Amino acid sequence: MRKSIERIIEEKLKLEELVVEILSDAAYAERFISKPNNNRCPSMYKLLDFIRERKDIGFYDRPKLILRATPRQMTRYGLAIDILLMIEKDISDDPNLDRKLMWLRANRFKWTKLGRFFGFHRTTIKRRYETLLDKLCIKLKNNFDNLDKIFN
């Protein structure tokens, strides 16, 4: 049977929302990934972190709260990188610019700030983002048979 136009549009919007959610979740998870450090630095130059107890003279320092990304966020981070790498010459004229645009928008930059960064008007950047997202979702749908297995 032929799919109705409403069902096709509904599936397309659902896929676009899912891609945007994956990218934003990956951008959020990136904050929790440990930063690179210089392992060649001798340990005597590294600062010592210690906790004083209440009975000691001096201040009582609470240990730092260390947040970690969940396994779901890390899998979405890897999936987001794969999605961004799918942006190639067949989808856009300048893939590097469009990858940056997708990632910065996932980091919740405003359209005006993105427009200034890329040297375009905010509506031009928004239109470019929407057309890129549309083409990317079409490519995702054509490349994968069962998207439910990938995105769950």
C-alpha atoms as a PDB file:
ATOM      1  CA  MET A   1       0.000   0.000   0.000  1.00  0.00           C
ATOM      2  CA  ARG A   2       1.034   3.539  -0.575  1.00  0.00           C
ATOM      3  CA  LYS A   3       1.824   5.588   2.459  1.00  0.00           C
ATOM      4  CA  SER A   4      -0.233   8.678   2.929  1.00  0.00           C
ATOM      5  CA  ILE A   5       1.531  12.003   2.736  1.00  0.00           C
ATOM      6  CA  GLU A   6       0.714  12.723   6.369  1.00  0.00           C
ATOM      7  CA  ARG A   7       2.400   9.536   7.531  1.00  0.00           C
ATOM      8  CA  ILE A   8       5.519  10.250   5.441  1.00  0.00           C
ATOM      9  CA  ILE A   9       5.766  13.781   6.842  1.00  0.00           C
ATOM     10  CA  GLU A  10       5.198  12.482  10.368  1.00  0.00           C
ATOM     11  CA  GLU A  11       8.006   9.919  10.011  1.00  0.00           C
ATOM     12  CA  LYS A  12      10.324  12.535   8.548  1.00  0.00           C
ATOM     13  CA  LEU A  13       9.670  14.983  11.400  1.00  0.00           C
ATOM     14  CA  LYS A  14      10.153  12.221  13.949  1.00  0.00           C
ATOM     15  CA  LEU A  15      13.498  11.303  12.385  1.00  0.00           C
ATOM     16  CA  GLU A  16      14.612  14.955  12.334  1.00  0.00           C
ATOM     17  CA  GLU A  17      13.677  15.381  15.999  1.00  0.00           C
ATOM     18  CA  LEU A  18      15.573  12.199  16.826  1.00  0.00           C
ATOM     19  CA  VAL A  19      18.726  13.372  15.026  1.00  0.00           C
ATOM     20  CA  VAL A  20      18.574  16.751  16.782  1.00  0.00           C
ATOM     21  CA  GLU A  21      18.072  14.995  20.132  1.00  0.00           C
ATOM     22  CA  ILE A  22      21.039  12.684  19.513  1.00  0.00           C
ATOM     23  CA  LEU A  23      23.287  15.604  18.591  1.00  0.00           C
ATOM     24  CA  SER A  24      22.244  17.689  21.595  1.00  0.00           C
ATOM     25  CA  ASP A  25      22.662  14.722  23.938  1.00  0.00           C
ATOM     26  CA  ALA A  26      26.146  14.116  22.529  1.00  0.00           C
ATOM     27  CA  ALA A  27      27.071  17.777  22.948  1.00  0.00           C
ATOM     28  CA  TYR A  28      25.916  17.591  26.562  1.00  0.00           C
ATOM     29  CA  ALA A  29      27.905  14.382  27.136  1.00  0.00           C
ATOM     30  CA  GLU A  30      31.033  15.988  25.713  1.00  0.00           C
ATOM     31  CA  ARG A  31      31.220  18.197  28.802  1.00  0.00           C
ATOM     32  CA  PHE A  32      31.769  15.128  30.981  1.00  0.00           C
ATOM     33  CA  ILE A  33      34.555  13.579  28.934  1.00  0.00           C
ATOM     34  CA  SER A  34      37.926  14.020  30.589  1.00  0.00           C
ATOM     35  CA  LYS A  35      40.180  16.651  29.115  1.00  0.00           C
ATOM     36  CA  PRO A  36      43.578  15.768  27.652  1.00  0.00           C
ATOM     37  CA  ASN A  37      46.477  16.029  30.044  1.00  0.00           C
ATOM     38  CA  ASN A  38      50.244  15.999  29.815  1.00  0.00           C
ATOM     39  CA  ASN A  39      51.301  12.536  30.974  1.00  0.00           C
ATOM     40  CA  ARG A  40      54.963  13.339  30.382  1.00  0.00           C
ATOM     41  CA  CYS A  41      54.930  15.818  33.255  1.00  0.00           C
ATOM     42  CA  PRO A  42      56.689  14.394  36.353  1.00  0.00           C
ATOM     43  CA  SER A  43      54.360  13.567  39.200  1.00  0.00           C
ATOM     44  CA  MET A  44      56.274  15.809  41.611  1.00  0.00           C
ATOM     45  CA  TYR A  45      54.985  18.839  39.705  1.00  0.00           C
ATOM     46  CA  LYS A  46      51.354  17.784  39.906  1.00  0.00           C
ATOM     47  CA  LEU A  47      49.343  19.316  42.694  1.00  0.00           C
ATOM     48  CA  LEU A  48      48.261  17.020  45.481  1.00  0.00           C
ATOM     49  CA  ASP A  49      44.555  16.796  46.149  1.00  0.00           C
ATOM     50  CA  PHE A  50      43.740  15.825  49.678  1.00  0.00           C
ATOM     51  CA  ILE A  51      40.792  16.119  52.012  1.00  0.00           C
ATOM     52  CA  ARG A  52      41.203  17.395  55.516  1.00  0.00           C
ATOM     53  CA  GLU A  53      39.048  15.825  58.166  1.00  0.00           C
ATOM     54  CA  ARG A  54      36.899  17.773  60.591  1.00  0.00           C
ATOM     55  CA  LYS A  55      39.181  16.974  63.511  1.00  0.00           C
ATOM     56  CA  ASP A  56      42.182  18.516  61.755  1.00  0.00           C
ATOM     57  CA  ILE A  57      43.112  22.114  62.319  1.00  0.00           C
ATOM     58  CA  GLY A  58      42.207  24.141  59.290  1.00  0.00           C
ATOM     59  CA  PHE A  59      39.487  24.016  56.727  1.00  0.00           C
ATOM     60  CA  TYR A  60      37.308  21.085  55.823  1.00  0.00           C
ATOM     61  CA  ASP A  61      37.243  20.747  52.067  1.00  0.00           C
ATOM     62  CA  ARG A  62      34.506  18.785  50.428  1.00  0.00           C
ATOM     63  CA  PRO A  63      35.577  16.451  47.662  1.00  0.00           C
ATOM     64  CA  LYS A  64      34.784  17.689  44.172  1.00  0.00           C
ATOM     65  CA  LEU A  65      31.675  16.268  42.612  1.00  0.00           C
ATOM     66  CA  ILE A  66      32.761  14.426  39.504  1.00  0.00           C
ATOM     67  CA  LEU A  67      30.036  13.965  36.931  1.00  0.00           C
ATOM     68  CA  ARG A  68      30.317  11.175  34.415  1.00  0.00           C
ATOM     69  CA  ALA A  69      28.482  10.579  31.186  1.00  0.00           C
ATOM     70  CA  THR A  70      26.070   7.676  31.165  1.00  0.00           C
ATOM     71  CA  PRO A  71      26.622   4.741  28.798  1.00  0.00           C
ATOM     72  CA  ARG A  72      23.623   5.846  26.748  1.00  0.00           C
ATOM     73  CA  GLN A  73      25.135   9.307  26.334  1.00  0.00           C
ATOM     74  CA  MET A  74      28.461   7.815  25.258  1.00  0.00           C
ATOM     75  CA  THR A  75      26.818   5.591  22.636  1.00  0.00           C
ATOM     76  CA  ARG A  76      24.907   8.608  21.383  1.00  0.00           C
ATOM     77  CA  TYR A  77      28.188  10.527  21.288  1.00  0.00           C
ATOM     78  CA  GLY A  78      29.663   7.889  18.969  1.00  0.00           C
ATOM     79  CA  LEU A  79      26.480   7.840  16.902  1.00  0.00           C
ATOM     80  CA  ALA A  80      26.557  11.650  16.624  1.00  0.00           C
ATOM     81  CA  ILE A  81      30.101  11.515  15.284  1.00  0.00           C
ATOM     82  CA  ASP A  82      28.966   8.960  12.687  1.00  0.00           C
ATOM     83  CA  ILE A  83      26.020  11.172  11.758  1.00  0.00           C
ATOM     84  CA  LEU A  84      28.258  14.214  11.382  1.00  0.00           C
ATOM     85  CA  LEU A  85      30.660  12.234   9.200  1.00  0.00           C
ATOM     86  CA  MET A  86      27.760  11.380   6.881  1.00  0.00           C
ATOM     87  CA  ILE A  87      27.697  15.037   5.831  1.00  0.00           C
ATOM     88  CA  GLU A  88      29.700  14.876   2.621  1.00  0.00           C
ATOM     89  CA  LYS A  89      29.799  16.476  -0.823  1.00  0.00           C
ATOM     90  CA  ASP A  90      26.595  14.724  -1.885  1.00  0.00           C
ATOM     91  CA  ILE A  91      24.624  16.610   0.779  1.00  0.00           C
ATOM     92  CA  SER A  92      26.335  20.003   0.911  1.00  0.00           C
ATOM     93  CA  ASP A  93      28.785  22.197  -0.953  1.00  0.00           C
ATOM     94  CA  ASP A  94      30.952  22.828   2.116  1.00  0.00           C
ATOM     95  CA  PRO A  95      30.803  19.777   4.425  1.00  0.00           C
ATOM     96  CA  ASN A  96      33.207  21.143   7.046  1.00  0.00           C
ATOM     97  CA  LEU A  97      31.177  24.315   7.520  1.00  0.00           C
ATOM     98  CA  ASP A  98      27.964  22.314   7.762  1.00  0.00           C
ATOM     99  CA  ARG A  99      29.444  19.886  10.300  1.00  0.00           C
ATOM    100  CA  LYS A 100      30.496  22.858  12.421  1.00  0.00           C
ATOM    101  CA  LEU A 101      27.040  24.361  12.042  1.00  0.00           C
ATOM    102  CA  MET A 102      25.333  21.140  13.169  1.00  0.00           C
ATOM    103  CA  TRP A 103      27.662  20.724  16.153  1.00  0.00           C
ATOM    104  CA  LEU A 104      27.460  24.352  17.294  1.00  0.00           C
ATOM    105  CA  ARG A 105      23.678  24.252  17.040  1.00  0.00           C
ATOM    106  CA  ALA A 106      23.710  21.051  19.124  1.00  0.00           C
ATOM    107  CA  ASN A 107      25.649  23.061  21.717  1.00  0.00           C
ATOM    108  CA  ARG A 108      22.684  25.480  21.771  1.00  0.00           C
ATOM    109  CA  PHE A 109      24.313  28.500  20.188  1.00  0.00           C
ATOM    110  CA  LYS A 110      21.803  31.140  19.142  1.00  0.00           C
ATOM    111  CA  TRP A 111      21.129  31.800  15.472  1.00  0.00           C
ATOM    112  CA  THR A 112      22.451  35.365  15.708  1.00  0.00           C
ATOM    113  CA  LYS A 113      25.723  34.177  17.223  1.00  0.00           C
ATOM    114  CA  LEU A 114      26.065  31.480  14.562  1.00  0.00           C
ATOM    115  CA  GLY A 115      25.323  34.039  11.879  1.00  0.00           C
ATOM    116  CA  ARG A 116      28.112  36.290  13.123  1.00  0.00           C
ATOM    117  CA  PHE A 117      30.495  33.357  13.432  1.00  0.00           C
ATOM    118  CA  PHE A 118      29.937  32.138   9.873  1.00  0.00           C
ATOM    119  CA  GLY A 119      29.428  35.574   8.318  1.00  0.00           C
ATOM    120  CA  PHE A 120      25.820  35.061   7.221  1.00  0.00           C
ATOM    121  CA  HIS A 121      22.478  36.445   8.286  1.00  0.00           C
ATOM    122  CA  ARG A 122      20.702  34.500  11.034  1.00  0.00           C
ATOM    123  CA  THR A 123      17.807  33.488   8.790  1.00  0.00           C
ATOM    124  CA  THR A 124      20.249  32.280   6.113  1.00  0.00           C
ATOM    125  CA  ILE A 125      22.038  30.105   8.672  1.00  0.00           C
ATOM    126  CA  LYS A 126      18.738  28.759   9.997  1.00  0.00           C
ATOM    127  CA  ARG A 127      17.526  27.926   6.487  1.00  0.00           C
ATOM    128  CA  ARG A 128      20.843  26.250   5.697  1.00  0.00           C
ATOM    129  CA  TYR A 129      20.606  24.218   8.917  1.00  0.00           C
ATOM    130  CA  GLU A 130      17.057  23.096   8.145  1.00  0.00           C
ATOM    131  CA  THR A 131      17.845  22.054   4.568  1.00  0.00           C
ATOM    132  CA  LEU A 132      20.967  20.247   5.749  1.00  0.00           C
ATOM    133  CA  LEU A 133      18.995  18.420   8.427  1.00  0.00           C
ATOM    134  CA  ASP A 134      16.378  17.473   5.851  1.00  0.00           C
ATOM    135  CA  LYS A 135      18.960  16.084   3.404  1.00  0.00           C
ATOM    136  CA  LEU A 136      20.783  14.283   6.205  1.00  0.00           C
ATOM    137  CA  CYS A 137      17.598  12.562   7.365  1.00  0.00           C
ATOM    138  CA  ILE A 138      16.835  11.461   3.812  1.00  0.00           C
ATOM    139  CA  LYS A 139      20.334  10.005   3.555  1.00  0.00           C
ATOM    140  CA  LEU A 140      19.968   8.263   6.918  1.00  0.00           C
ATOM    141  CA  LYS A 141      16.638   6.784   5.908  1.00  0.00           C
ATOM    142  CA  ASN A 142      18.021   5.510   2.590  1.00  0.00           C
ATOM    143  CA  ASN A 143      21.193   4.014   4.113  1.00  0.00           C
ATOM    144  CA  PHE A 144      19.604   2.118   6.994  1.00  0.00           C
ATOM    145  CA  ASP A 145      16.717  -0.296   6.684  1.00  0.00           C
ATOM    146  CA  ASN A 146      15.637  -0.442  10.306  1.00  0.00           C
ATOM    147  CA  LEU A 147      16.302   2.849  12.101  1.00  0.00           C
ATOM    148  CA  ASP A 148      14.626   1.680  15.306  1.00  0.00           C
ATOM    149  CA  LYS A 149      17.518  -0.648  16.084  1.00  0.00           C
ATOM    150  CA  ILE A 150      20.072   2.127  15.587  1.00  0.00           C
ATOM    151  CA  PHE A 151      18.357   4.953  17.460  1.00  0.00           C
ATOM    152  CA  ASN A 152      17.155   3.037  20.538  1.00  0.00           C
END
